[in-house]
Amino acid sequence: MKIRNLIKFIFLLLFFSSSGFCKALLLGDSLTYIYGEAYKSIISKDADVVYKVGSGLLNRSKYDWFSAVESVNFDKYDLVIVSIGTNDFNREITSVNYSRSIFELIGRIRNKNKNARIIWISPPFLKNKEHDILLSNTRYIVRSTLNQLGVIYFDITKDAVLGERYSDILDGKKIRTSDGIHITKYGANLVVEHLKLFI
């Protein structure tokens, strides 16, 4: 009887850990706030959210993510979800410096917890066409760099999570805010529902 109970306990432990019921940290730019709210609502209330409006990897003087992650106790987390890049407009698709910044950020996280799974949510499409063209370079650099690092890249544009091009509305519901950058609660819920597939 004790063995049966032990087997049930182990099964439940494995089930919940593989179903997203692990301690998660979401960190990044202002999109992280709404993703965090959706994550807590859909997956687990036991998640922490660290975000800085207007932040990215290109402008360390505005906010230095590399120093910021040094103050985080990553040992508390099984899962780290990153949403950085929407404010980083790369003029070149082969920006070595931007790629190095991603390597550095991931390296610092892994130095603090080598066992934490990392998922990076891509920047969404933007309403401003000029900015969106530059951001397509950023998405390319992030994706190719993360592939080298073995980090999961959750592309909310390629997977058509929010539509295959910029759109305010999807299936009759508003998914983007009026600024053409941010995402509504409903849009964030769609992102997190798809995110569950990677957890």
N, C-alpha and C. Protein backbone atom coordinates (compact mmCIF):
# COMPACT_ATOMS: atom_id res chain seq x y z
N MET A 1 0.82 -1.21 0.00
CA MET A 1 0.00 0.00 0.00
C MET A 1 0.86 1.27 0.00
N LYS A 2 1.95 1.24 0.78
CA LYS A 2 2.83 2.40 0.84
C LYS A 2 3.50 2.64 -0.51
N ILE A 3 3.87 1.55 -1.18
CA ILE A 3 4.51 1.67 -2.49
C ILE A 3 3.54 2.30 -3.49
N ARG A 4 2.28 1.89 -3.44
CA ARG A 4 1.28 2.44 -4.35
C ARG A 4 1.11 3.94 -4.11
N ASN A 5 1.05 4.35 -2.85
CA ASN A 5 0.93 5.78 -2.53
C ASN A 5 2.15 6.56 -2.99
N LEU A 6 3.33 5.94 -2.85
CA LEU A 6 4.56 6.58 -3.29
C LEU A 6 4.55 6.77 -4.81
N ILE A 7 4.10 5.75 -5.52
CA ILE A 7 4.01 5.84 -6.98
C ILE A 7 3.03 6.94 -7.40
N LYS A 8 1.89 7.04 -6.70
CA LYS A 8 0.92 8.10 -6.99
C LYS A 8 1.54 9.48 -6.77
N PHE A 9 2.28 9.60 -5.66
CA PHE A 9 2.91 10.88 -5.33
C PHE A 9 3.90 11.28 -6.41
N ILE A 10 4.74 10.33 -6.84
CA ILE A 10 5.73 10.61 -7.87
C ILE A 10 5.05 11.00 -9.18
N PHE A 11 3.98 10.27 -9.53
CA PHE A 11 3.23 10.57 -10.75
C PHE A 11 2.67 11.99 -10.71
N LEU A 12 2.05 12.36 -9.58
CA LEU A 12 1.48 13.69 -9.46
C LEU A 12 2.55 14.77 -9.52
N LEU A 13 3.68 14.49 -8.89
CA LEU A 13 4.79 15.44 -8.91
C LEU A 13 5.28 15.67 -10.33
N LEU A 14 5.47 14.58 -11.07
CA LEU A 14 5.92 14.69 -12.46
C LEU A 14 4.87 15.35 -13.34
N PHE A 15 3.61 15.02 -13.10
CA PHE A 15 2.52 15.59 -13.90
C PHE A 15 2.44 17.09 -13.74
N PHE A 16 2.45 17.56 -12.48
CA PHE A 16 2.33 18.99 -12.26
C PHE A 16 3.54 19.75 -12.73
N SER A 17 4.73 19.17 -12.56
CA SER A 17 5.93 19.88 -13.01
C SER A 17 5.97 19.97 -14.53
N SER A 18 5.45 18.97 -15.22
CA SER A 18 5.46 19.00 -16.69
C SER A 18 4.27 19.76 -17.26
N SER A 19 3.32 20.12 -16.40
CA SER A 19 2.13 20.82 -16.88
C SER A 19 2.19 22.32 -16.62
N GLY A 20 3.38 22.82 -16.33
CA GLY A 20 3.53 24.24 -16.14
C GLY A 20 3.40 24.70 -14.70
N PHE A 21 3.19 23.79 -13.78
CA PHE A 21 3.05 24.16 -12.38
C PHE A 21 4.42 24.20 -11.71
N CYS A 22 5.33 24.91 -12.33
CA CYS A 22 6.66 25.11 -11.76
C CYS A 22 6.80 26.60 -11.48
N LYS A 23 7.78 26.94 -10.70
CA LYS A 23 7.99 28.35 -10.36
C LYS A 23 8.62 29.06 -11.55
N ALA A 24 7.93 30.09 -12.03
CA ALA A 24 8.37 30.79 -13.23
C ALA A 24 8.68 32.25 -12.94
N LEU A 25 9.64 32.77 -13.70
CA LEU A 25 9.95 34.19 -13.69
C LEU A 25 9.78 34.71 -15.11
N LEU A 26 8.99 35.76 -15.26
CA LEU A 26 8.86 36.43 -16.55
C LEU A 26 9.60 37.76 -16.44
N LEU A 27 10.52 37.99 -17.38
CA LEU A 27 11.26 39.25 -17.32
C LEU A 27 11.40 39.86 -18.70
N GLY A 28 11.38 41.20 -18.72
CA GLY A 28 11.54 41.87 -20.00
C GLY A 28 10.95 43.27 -20.03
N ASP A 29 10.54 43.67 -21.22
CA ASP A 29 10.01 45.02 -21.44
C ASP A 29 8.55 45.08 -21.01
N SER A 30 7.85 46.14 -21.40
CA SER A 30 6.48 46.36 -20.90
C SER A 30 5.49 45.28 -21.33
N LEU A 31 5.76 44.58 -22.42
CA LEU A 31 4.87 43.48 -22.81
C LEU A 31 4.85 42.39 -21.74
N THR A 32 5.92 42.30 -20.98
CA THR A 32 6.04 41.27 -19.95
C THR A 32 4.95 41.40 -18.89
N TYR A 33 4.53 42.62 -18.62
CA TYR A 33 3.50 42.83 -17.61
C TYR A 33 2.21 42.08 -17.98
N ILE A 34 1.72 42.29 -19.19
CA ILE A 34 0.46 41.66 -19.59
C ILE A 34 0.63 40.16 -19.79
N TYR A 35 1.82 39.73 -20.25
CA TYR A 35 2.08 38.29 -20.33
C TYR A 35 2.06 37.67 -18.93
N GLY A 36 2.63 38.40 -17.97
CA GLY A 36 2.65 37.91 -16.60
C GLY A 36 1.26 37.75 -16.03
N GLU A 37 0.40 38.73 -16.30
CA GLU A 37 -0.99 38.64 -15.82
C GLU A 37 -1.69 37.44 -16.43
N ALA A 38 -1.49 37.23 -17.72
CA ALA A 38 -2.11 36.09 -18.40
C ALA A 38 -1.55 34.77 -17.87
N TYR A 39 -0.23 34.72 -17.65
CA TYR A 39 0.41 33.50 -17.13
C TYR A 39 -0.18 33.14 -15.77
N LYS A 40 -0.33 34.13 -14.91
CA LYS A 40 -0.88 33.88 -13.57
C LYS A 40 -2.33 33.43 -13.64
N SER A 41 -3.05 33.93 -14.61
CA SER A 41 -4.46 33.57 -14.77
C SER A 41 -4.65 32.19 -15.38
N ILE A 42 -3.79 31.83 -16.34
CA ILE A 42 -3.99 30.60 -17.11
C ILE A 42 -3.16 29.43 -16.61
N ILE A 43 -1.91 29.68 -16.23
CA ILE A 43 -0.99 28.58 -15.92
C ILE A 43 -0.76 28.43 -14.43
N SER A 44 -0.26 29.47 -13.79
CA SER A 44 0.05 29.36 -12.36
C SER A 44 0.15 30.74 -11.73
N LYS A 45 -0.54 30.91 -10.61
CA LYS A 45 -0.45 32.17 -9.88
C LYS A 45 0.91 32.36 -9.25
N ASP A 46 1.62 31.25 -9.09
CA ASP A 46 2.93 31.27 -8.43
C ASP A 46 4.02 31.62 -9.44
N ALA A 47 3.97 32.85 -9.92
CA ALA A 47 4.98 33.33 -10.88
C ALA A 47 5.38 34.74 -10.50
N ASP A 48 6.61 35.09 -10.79
CA ASP A 48 7.10 36.44 -10.53
C ASP A 48 7.31 37.15 -11.87
N VAL A 49 7.10 38.46 -11.84
CA VAL A 49 7.22 39.26 -13.06
C VAL A 49 8.14 40.45 -12.79
N VAL A 50 9.17 40.58 -13.62
CA VAL A 50 10.09 41.72 -13.54
C VAL A 50 10.10 42.39 -14.91
N TYR A 51 9.65 43.64 -14.97
CA TYR A 51 9.63 44.31 -16.28
C TYR A 51 10.04 45.77 -16.14
N LYS A 52 10.53 46.30 -17.23
CA LYS A 52 10.92 47.71 -17.28
C LYS A 52 10.43 48.29 -18.59
N VAL A 53 9.57 49.28 -18.49
CA VAL A 53 8.99 49.93 -19.67
C VAL A 53 10.11 50.55 -20.52
N GLY A 54 10.03 50.32 -21.83
CA GLY A 54 10.98 50.92 -22.77
C GLY A 54 12.35 50.28 -22.81
N SER A 55 12.51 49.17 -22.11
CA SER A 55 13.84 48.56 -22.02
C SER A 55 14.13 47.63 -23.18
N GLY A 56 15.41 47.33 -23.35
CA GLY A 56 15.87 46.40 -24.38
C GLY A 56 17.32 46.09 -24.15
N LEU A 57 17.96 45.55 -25.16
CA LEU A 57 19.38 45.22 -25.05
C LEU A 57 20.28 46.24 -25.74
N LEU A 58 19.70 47.09 -26.59
CA LEU A 58 20.51 48.05 -27.34
C LEU A 58 20.94 49.26 -26.51
N ASN A 59 20.09 49.68 -25.61
CA ASN A 59 20.35 50.92 -24.87
C ASN A 59 20.53 50.63 -23.39
N ARG A 60 21.76 50.33 -22.99
CA ARG A 60 22.03 50.01 -21.58
C ARG A 60 21.88 51.23 -20.68
N SER A 61 22.00 52.43 -21.23
CA SER A 61 21.88 53.63 -20.40
C SER A 61 20.43 53.83 -19.94
N LYS A 62 19.47 53.31 -20.73
CA LYS A 62 18.06 53.41 -20.33
C LYS A 62 17.75 52.39 -19.24
N TYR A 63 18.18 51.16 -19.44
CA TYR A 63 18.03 50.12 -18.43
C TYR A 63 19.02 49.01 -18.75
N ASP A 64 19.76 48.60 -17.74
CA ASP A 64 20.82 47.60 -17.94
C ASP A 64 20.34 46.23 -17.45
N TRP A 65 19.84 45.42 -18.40
CA TRP A 65 19.36 44.09 -18.05
C TRP A 65 20.48 43.19 -17.55
N PHE A 66 21.68 43.44 -18.00
CA PHE A 66 22.81 42.59 -17.63
C PHE A 66 23.13 42.74 -16.15
N SER A 67 23.06 43.96 -15.66
CA SER A 67 23.24 44.19 -14.22
C SER A 67 22.00 43.74 -13.45
N ALA A 68 20.83 43.96 -14.03
CA ALA A 68 19.58 43.63 -13.34
C ALA A 68 19.48 42.14 -13.03
N VAL A 69 19.88 41.28 -13.97
CA VAL A 69 19.76 39.84 -13.72
C VAL A 69 20.70 39.37 -12.62
N GLU A 70 21.76 40.14 -12.37
CA GLU A 70 22.69 39.77 -11.30
C GLU A 70 22.04 39.88 -9.93
N SER A 71 21.00 40.70 -9.80
CA SER A 71 20.33 40.87 -8.51
C SER A 71 19.17 39.90 -8.32
N VAL A 72 18.90 39.06 -9.31
CA VAL A 72 17.79 38.10 -9.23
C VAL A 72 18.31 36.76 -8.71
N ASN A 73 17.56 36.17 -7.78
CA ASN A 73 17.89 34.84 -7.28
C ASN A 73 17.24 33.80 -8.20
N PHE A 74 17.96 33.39 -9.23
CA PHE A 74 17.41 32.46 -10.21
C PHE A 74 17.25 31.05 -9.68
N ASP A 75 17.87 30.75 -8.53
CA ASP A 75 17.71 29.41 -7.94
C ASP A 75 16.26 29.13 -7.57
N LYS A 76 15.45 30.16 -7.42
CA LYS A 76 14.04 29.99 -7.06
C LYS A 76 13.19 29.51 -8.23
N TYR A 77 13.74 29.57 -9.45
CA TYR A 77 12.91 29.37 -10.63
C TYR A 77 13.31 28.14 -11.44
N ASP A 78 12.28 27.43 -11.90
CA ASP A 78 12.48 26.31 -12.82
C ASP A 78 12.39 26.78 -14.27
N LEU A 79 11.70 27.89 -14.46
CA LEU A 79 11.41 28.39 -15.81
C LEU A 79 11.61 29.90 -15.85
N VAL A 80 12.33 30.36 -16.87
CA VAL A 80 12.52 31.80 -17.08
C VAL A 80 11.98 32.13 -18.47
N ILE A 81 11.03 33.06 -18.51
CA ILE A 81 10.41 33.48 -19.77
C ILE A 81 10.85 34.92 -20.05
N VAL A 82 11.51 35.12 -21.17
CA VAL A 82 12.07 36.43 -21.52
C VAL A 82 11.24 37.06 -22.63
N SER A 83 10.94 38.34 -22.47
CA SER A 83 10.26 39.11 -23.52
C SER A 83 11.02 40.42 -23.70
N ILE A 84 12.09 40.35 -24.45
CA ILE A 84 12.93 41.52 -24.72
C ILE A 84 13.16 41.61 -26.23
N GLY A 85 13.13 42.84 -26.75
CA GLY A 85 13.42 43.03 -28.17
C GLY A 85 12.50 44.00 -28.87
N THR A 86 11.31 44.22 -28.32
CA THR A 86 10.34 45.08 -29.00
C THR A 86 10.83 46.52 -29.13
N ASN A 87 11.72 46.95 -28.24
CA ASN A 87 12.27 48.30 -28.31
C ASN A 87 13.63 48.36 -29.01
N ASP A 88 14.06 47.24 -29.53
CA ASP A 88 15.38 47.15 -30.18
C ASP A 88 15.23 47.10 -31.69
N PHE A 89 15.44 48.23 -32.34
CA PHE A 89 15.28 48.31 -33.79
C PHE A 89 16.64 48.17 -34.46
N ASN A 90 16.93 46.97 -34.93
CA ASN A 90 18.22 46.68 -35.56
C ASN A 90 18.18 47.02 -37.05
N ARG A 91 19.12 47.86 -37.48
CA ARG A 91 19.18 48.26 -38.88
C ARG A 91 19.85 47.20 -39.75
N GLU A 92 20.58 46.29 -39.12
CA GLU A 92 21.26 45.23 -39.88
C GLU A 92 20.78 43.87 -39.39
N ILE A 93 20.59 42.96 -40.33
CA ILE A 93 20.11 41.62 -39.98
C ILE A 93 21.23 40.76 -39.39
N THR A 94 22.46 41.24 -39.54
CA THR A 94 23.62 40.48 -39.03
C THR A 94 24.36 41.26 -37.94
N SER A 95 23.61 41.80 -37.00
CA SER A 95 24.23 42.58 -35.92
C SER A 95 24.95 41.66 -34.94
N VAL A 96 26.27 41.62 -35.04
CA VAL A 96 27.08 40.78 -34.15
C VAL A 96 26.95 41.27 -32.71
N ASN A 97 26.92 42.58 -32.53
CA ASN A 97 26.83 43.14 -31.18
C ASN A 97 25.53 42.75 -30.49
N TYR A 98 24.43 42.75 -31.25
CA TYR A 98 23.14 42.37 -30.65
C TYR A 98 23.15 40.89 -30.29
N SER A 99 23.70 40.09 -31.17
CA SER A 99 23.82 38.66 -30.89
C SER A 99 24.66 38.42 -29.64
N ARG A 100 25.76 39.16 -29.51
CA ARG A 100 26.61 39.03 -28.32
C ARG A 100 25.84 39.40 -27.05
N SER A 101 24.99 40.41 -27.16
CA SER A 101 24.19 40.83 -26.00
C SER A 101 23.26 39.71 -25.55
N ILE A 102 22.68 39.00 -26.51
CA ILE A 102 21.81 37.87 -26.18
C ILE A 102 22.62 36.77 -25.52
N PHE A 103 23.79 36.46 -26.10
CA PHE A 103 24.68 35.46 -25.50
C PHE A 103 25.00 35.83 -24.05
N GLU A 104 25.30 37.11 -23.84
CA GLU A 104 25.68 37.56 -22.49
C GLU A 104 24.52 37.41 -21.52
N LEU A 105 23.33 37.83 -21.93
CA LEU A 105 22.17 37.76 -21.04
C LEU A 105 21.85 36.32 -20.66
N ILE A 106 21.79 35.44 -21.67
CA ILE A 106 21.50 34.03 -21.40
C ILE A 106 22.61 33.42 -20.54
N GLY A 107 23.85 33.77 -20.83
CA GLY A 107 24.97 33.26 -20.06
C GLY A 107 24.88 33.64 -18.60
N ARG A 108 24.48 34.87 -18.33
CA ARG A 108 24.36 35.32 -16.93
C ARG A 108 23.24 34.58 -16.21
N ILE A 109 22.14 34.34 -16.91
CA ILE A 109 21.04 33.58 -16.30
C ILE A 109 21.49 32.16 -16.01
N ARG A 110 22.15 31.53 -16.97
CA ARG A 110 22.60 30.15 -16.79
C ARG A 110 23.69 30.03 -15.72
N ASN A 111 24.51 31.05 -15.57
CA ASN A 111 25.52 31.02 -14.52
C ASN A 111 24.88 31.00 -13.14
N LYS A 112 23.68 31.58 -13.04
CA LYS A 112 22.99 31.63 -11.76
C LYS A 112 22.10 30.42 -11.53
N ASN A 113 21.66 29.77 -12.61
CA ASN A 113 20.87 28.53 -12.49
C ASN A 113 20.96 27.78 -13.82
N LYS A 114 21.89 26.84 -13.89
CA LYS A 114 22.11 26.12 -15.16
C LYS A 114 20.96 25.18 -15.50
N ASN A 115 20.09 24.89 -14.52
CA ASN A 115 19.00 23.94 -14.76
C ASN A 115 17.68 24.61 -15.16
N ALA A 116 17.62 25.93 -15.07
CA ALA A 116 16.38 26.62 -15.42
C ALA A 116 16.13 26.54 -16.92
N ARG A 117 14.89 26.21 -17.30
CA ARG A 117 14.51 26.25 -18.71
C ARG A 117 14.26 27.70 -19.09
N ILE A 118 14.68 28.07 -20.28
CA ILE A 118 14.50 29.45 -20.74
C ILE A 118 13.68 29.44 -22.03
N ILE A 119 12.64 30.27 -22.05
CA ILE A 119 11.83 30.46 -23.25
C ILE A 119 11.83 31.96 -23.57
N TRP A 120 12.10 32.29 -24.81
CA TRP A 120 12.14 33.70 -25.23
C TRP A 120 10.95 33.95 -26.16
N ILE A 121 10.07 34.87 -25.76
CA ILE A 121 8.92 35.23 -26.59
C ILE A 121 9.34 36.32 -27.59
N SER A 122 9.08 36.09 -28.84
CA SER A 122 9.50 37.05 -29.87
C SER A 122 8.74 38.37 -29.75
N PRO A 123 9.33 39.45 -30.24
CA PRO A 123 8.57 40.69 -30.37
C PRO A 123 7.42 40.48 -31.36
N PRO A 124 6.29 41.13 -31.12
CA PRO A 124 5.16 40.99 -32.05
C PRO A 124 5.33 41.88 -33.27
N PHE A 125 4.42 41.73 -34.23
CA PHE A 125 4.36 42.69 -35.32
C PHE A 125 4.00 44.06 -34.75
N LEU A 126 4.48 45.12 -35.39
CA LEU A 126 4.14 46.48 -34.99
C LEU A 126 3.31 47.17 -36.07
N LYS A 127 2.47 48.08 -35.65
CA LYS A 127 1.63 48.81 -36.60
C LYS A 127 2.46 49.74 -37.47
N ASN A 128 3.48 50.38 -36.88
CA ASN A 128 4.38 51.26 -37.61
C ASN A 128 5.24 50.41 -38.55
N LYS A 129 5.04 50.58 -39.86
CA LYS A 129 5.68 49.69 -40.84
C LYS A 129 7.20 49.82 -40.84
N GLU A 130 7.70 51.04 -40.69
CA GLU A 130 9.15 51.24 -40.67
C GLU A 130 9.77 50.52 -39.46
N HIS A 131 9.15 50.70 -38.31
CA HIS A 131 9.65 50.02 -37.11
C HIS A 131 9.53 48.50 -37.23
N ASP A 132 8.46 48.05 -37.86
CA ASP A 132 8.26 46.60 -37.98
C ASP A 132 9.31 45.97 -38.89
N ILE A 133 9.74 46.70 -39.93
CA ILE A 133 10.81 46.19 -40.80
C ILE A 133 12.10 46.03 -40.00
N LEU A 134 12.43 47.04 -39.20
CA LEU A 134 13.62 46.96 -38.36
C LEU A 134 13.50 45.84 -37.33
N LEU A 135 12.29 45.68 -36.80
CA LEU A 135 12.07 44.65 -35.79
C LEU A 135 12.14 43.25 -36.39
N SER A 136 11.87 43.13 -37.69
CA SER A 136 12.02 41.82 -38.33
C SER A 136 13.49 41.41 -38.31
N ASN A 137 14.40 42.38 -38.41
CA ASN A 137 15.83 42.08 -38.25
C ASN A 137 16.12 41.58 -36.85
N THR A 138 15.53 42.24 -35.87
CA THR A 138 15.73 41.84 -34.47
C THR A 138 15.23 40.42 -34.24
N ARG A 139 14.04 40.12 -34.75
CA ARG A 139 13.50 38.76 -34.58
C ARG A 139 14.43 37.72 -35.20
N TYR A 140 14.97 38.04 -36.36
CA TYR A 140 15.88 37.10 -37.03
C TYR A 140 17.13 36.87 -36.18
N ILE A 141 17.72 37.94 -35.66
CA ILE A 141 18.94 37.82 -34.86
C ILE A 141 18.65 37.03 -33.58
N VAL A 142 17.55 37.34 -32.92
CA VAL A 142 17.20 36.63 -31.68
C VAL A 142 17.02 35.15 -31.96
N ARG A 143 16.24 34.83 -33.00
CA ARG A 143 15.97 33.42 -33.32
C ARG A 143 17.25 32.66 -33.63
N SER A 144 18.09 33.21 -34.48
CA SER A 144 19.31 32.50 -34.88
C SER A 144 20.28 32.36 -33.71
N THR A 145 20.35 33.37 -32.86
CA THR A 145 21.24 33.31 -31.69
C THR A 145 20.75 32.28 -30.68
N LEU A 146 19.46 32.28 -30.42
CA LEU A 146 18.90 31.33 -29.46
C LEU A 146 19.03 29.90 -29.95
N ASN A 147 18.95 29.70 -31.26
CA ASN A 147 19.16 28.35 -31.82
C ASN A 147 20.56 27.85 -31.48
N GLN A 148 21.54 28.73 -31.55
CA GLN A 148 22.91 28.35 -31.19
C GLN A 148 23.03 28.03 -29.70
N LEU A 149 22.24 28.71 -28.90
CA LEU A 149 22.31 28.54 -27.44
C LEU A 149 21.42 27.41 -26.93
N GLY A 150 20.59 26.86 -27.80
CA GLY A 150 19.68 25.81 -27.36
C GLY A 150 18.54 26.32 -26.49
N VAL A 151 18.15 27.57 -26.72
CA VAL A 151 17.05 28.19 -25.96
C VAL A 151 15.80 28.17 -26.83
N ILE A 152 14.66 27.89 -26.23
CA ILE A 152 13.40 27.85 -26.96
C ILE A 152 13.01 29.27 -27.39
N TYR A 153 12.75 29.42 -28.68
CA TYR A 153 12.30 30.70 -29.23
C TYR A 153 10.84 30.55 -29.62
N PHE A 154 9.97 31.23 -28.91
CA PHE A 154 8.53 31.16 -29.16
C PHE A 154 8.15 32.34 -30.05
N ASP A 155 8.04 32.08 -31.34
CA ASP A 155 7.79 33.13 -32.33
C ASP A 155 6.29 33.33 -32.50
N ILE A 156 5.79 34.41 -31.93
CA ILE A 156 4.35 34.66 -31.99
C ILE A 156 3.93 35.25 -33.34
N THR A 157 4.90 35.45 -34.25
CA THR A 157 4.55 35.88 -35.60
C THR A 157 4.55 34.69 -36.55
N LYS A 158 5.56 33.86 -36.51
CA LYS A 158 5.64 32.70 -37.41
C LYS A 158 4.56 31.68 -37.10
N ASP A 159 4.24 31.53 -35.83
CA ASP A 159 3.23 30.55 -35.44
C ASP A 159 1.81 31.10 -35.58
N ALA A 160 1.73 32.32 -36.10
CA ALA A 160 0.43 32.95 -36.35
C ALA A 160 -0.43 33.01 -35.09
N VAL A 161 0.20 33.19 -33.95
CA VAL A 161 -0.52 33.27 -32.68
C VAL A 161 -1.42 34.50 -32.67
N LEU A 162 -0.89 35.62 -33.13
CA LEU A 162 -1.66 36.86 -33.17
C LEU A 162 -1.98 37.28 -34.60
N GLY A 163 -1.95 36.35 -35.51
CA GLY A 163 -2.18 36.64 -36.92
C GLY A 163 -0.88 36.67 -37.70
N GLU A 164 -0.97 36.53 -39.01
CA GLU A 164 0.22 36.42 -39.86
C GLU A 164 0.79 37.78 -40.27
N ARG A 165 0.14 38.84 -39.87
CA ARG A 165 0.64 40.21 -40.08
C ARG A 165 0.00 41.06 -39.00
N TYR A 166 0.41 42.34 -38.92
CA TYR A 166 -0.18 43.18 -37.87
C TYR A 166 -1.68 43.29 -38.05
N SER A 167 -2.40 43.11 -36.95
CA SER A 167 -3.84 43.29 -36.95
C SER A 167 -4.30 43.68 -35.55
N ASP A 168 -5.24 44.62 -35.49
CA ASP A 168 -5.80 45.02 -34.19
C ASP A 168 -6.75 43.96 -33.65
N ILE A 169 -7.38 43.24 -34.57
CA ILE A 169 -8.45 42.32 -34.20
C ILE A 169 -8.19 40.94 -34.77
N LEU A 170 -8.52 39.92 -34.00
CA LEU A 170 -8.42 38.54 -34.46
C LEU A 170 -9.68 37.81 -34.04
N ASP A 171 -10.34 37.19 -35.01
CA ASP A 171 -11.60 36.48 -34.75
C ASP A 171 -12.62 37.36 -34.04
N GLY A 172 -12.66 38.63 -34.45
CA GLY A 172 -13.65 39.55 -33.91
C GLY A 172 -13.32 40.13 -32.54
N LYS A 173 -12.15 39.82 -32.01
CA LYS A 173 -11.77 40.33 -30.69
C LYS A 173 -10.49 41.15 -30.78
N LYS A 174 -10.44 42.21 -29.99
CA LYS A 174 -9.29 43.12 -30.02
C LYS A 174 -8.09 42.46 -29.36
N ILE A 175 -6.97 42.39 -30.09
CA ILE A 175 -5.77 41.75 -29.56
C ILE A 175 -4.63 42.75 -29.35
N ARG A 176 -4.73 43.94 -29.93
CA ARG A 176 -3.68 44.95 -29.80
C ARG A 176 -4.27 46.25 -29.27
N THR A 177 -3.45 47.00 -28.55
CA THR A 177 -3.89 48.29 -28.02
C THR A 177 -3.77 49.35 -29.11
N SER A 178 -4.30 50.53 -28.83
CA SER A 178 -4.37 51.58 -29.85
C SER A 178 -3.00 52.13 -30.25
N ASP A 179 -1.96 51.90 -29.43
CA ASP A 179 -0.63 52.41 -29.78
C ASP A 179 0.07 51.58 -30.86
N GLY A 180 -0.52 50.43 -31.20
CA GLY A 180 0.06 49.59 -32.24
C GLY A 180 1.29 48.82 -31.80
N ILE A 181 1.56 48.84 -30.50
CA ILE A 181 2.73 48.14 -29.95
C ILE A 181 2.30 47.07 -28.95
N HIS A 182 1.51 47.49 -27.99
CA HIS A 182 1.17 46.61 -26.88
C HIS A 182 0.03 45.65 -27.22
N ILE A 183 -0.18 44.72 -26.32
CA ILE A 183 -1.12 43.63 -26.53
C ILE A 183 -2.21 43.69 -25.46
N THR A 184 -3.44 43.43 -25.86
CA THR A 184 -4.55 43.45 -24.91
C THR A 184 -4.52 42.20 -24.03
N LYS A 185 -5.39 42.20 -23.04
CA LYS A 185 -5.51 41.03 -22.16
C LYS A 185 -5.88 39.79 -22.98
N TYR A 186 -6.82 39.94 -23.90
CA TYR A 186 -7.21 38.80 -24.74
C TYR A 186 -6.05 38.32 -25.60
N GLY A 187 -5.32 39.26 -26.19
CA GLY A 187 -4.15 38.90 -26.99
C GLY A 187 -3.11 38.17 -26.17
N ALA A 188 -2.86 38.66 -24.95
CA ALA A 188 -1.89 38.01 -24.07
C ALA A 188 -2.34 36.61 -23.69
N ASN A 189 -3.64 36.44 -23.49
CA ASN A 189 -4.16 35.10 -23.19
C ASN A 189 -3.89 34.13 -24.34
N LEU A 190 -4.04 34.62 -25.58
CA LEU A 190 -3.74 33.78 -26.75
C LEU A 190 -2.26 33.38 -26.75
N VAL A 191 -1.39 34.34 -26.46
CA VAL A 191 0.05 34.06 -26.42
C VAL A 191 0.35 33.00 -25.37
N VAL A 192 -0.20 33.16 -24.18
CA VAL A 192 0.10 32.23 -23.08
C VAL A 192 -0.51 30.85 -23.34
N GLU A 193 -1.67 30.80 -23.97
CA GLU A 193 -2.25 29.49 -24.32
C GLU A 193 -1.31 28.73 -25.25
N HIS A 194 -0.70 29.42 -26.21
CA HIS A 194 0.27 28.78 -27.10
C HIS A 194 1.58 28.49 -26.37
N LEU A 195 1.92 29.34 -25.43
CA LEU A 195 3.14 29.15 -24.64
C LEU A 195 3.10 27.83 -23.87
N LYS A 196 1.92 27.42 -23.47
CA LYS A 196 1.75 26.15 -22.72
C LYS A 196 2.32 24.97 -23.49
N LEU A 197 2.33 25.05 -24.80
CA LEU A 197 2.85 23.95 -25.63
C LEU A 197 4.34 23.74 -25.43
N PHE A 198 5.04 24.78 -24.96
CA PHE A 198 6.49 24.70 -24.76
C PHE A 198 6.88 24.36 -23.33
N ILE A 199 5.88 24.33 -22.44
CA ILE A 199 6.19 24.12 -21.02
C ILE A 199 6.04 22.65 -20.64
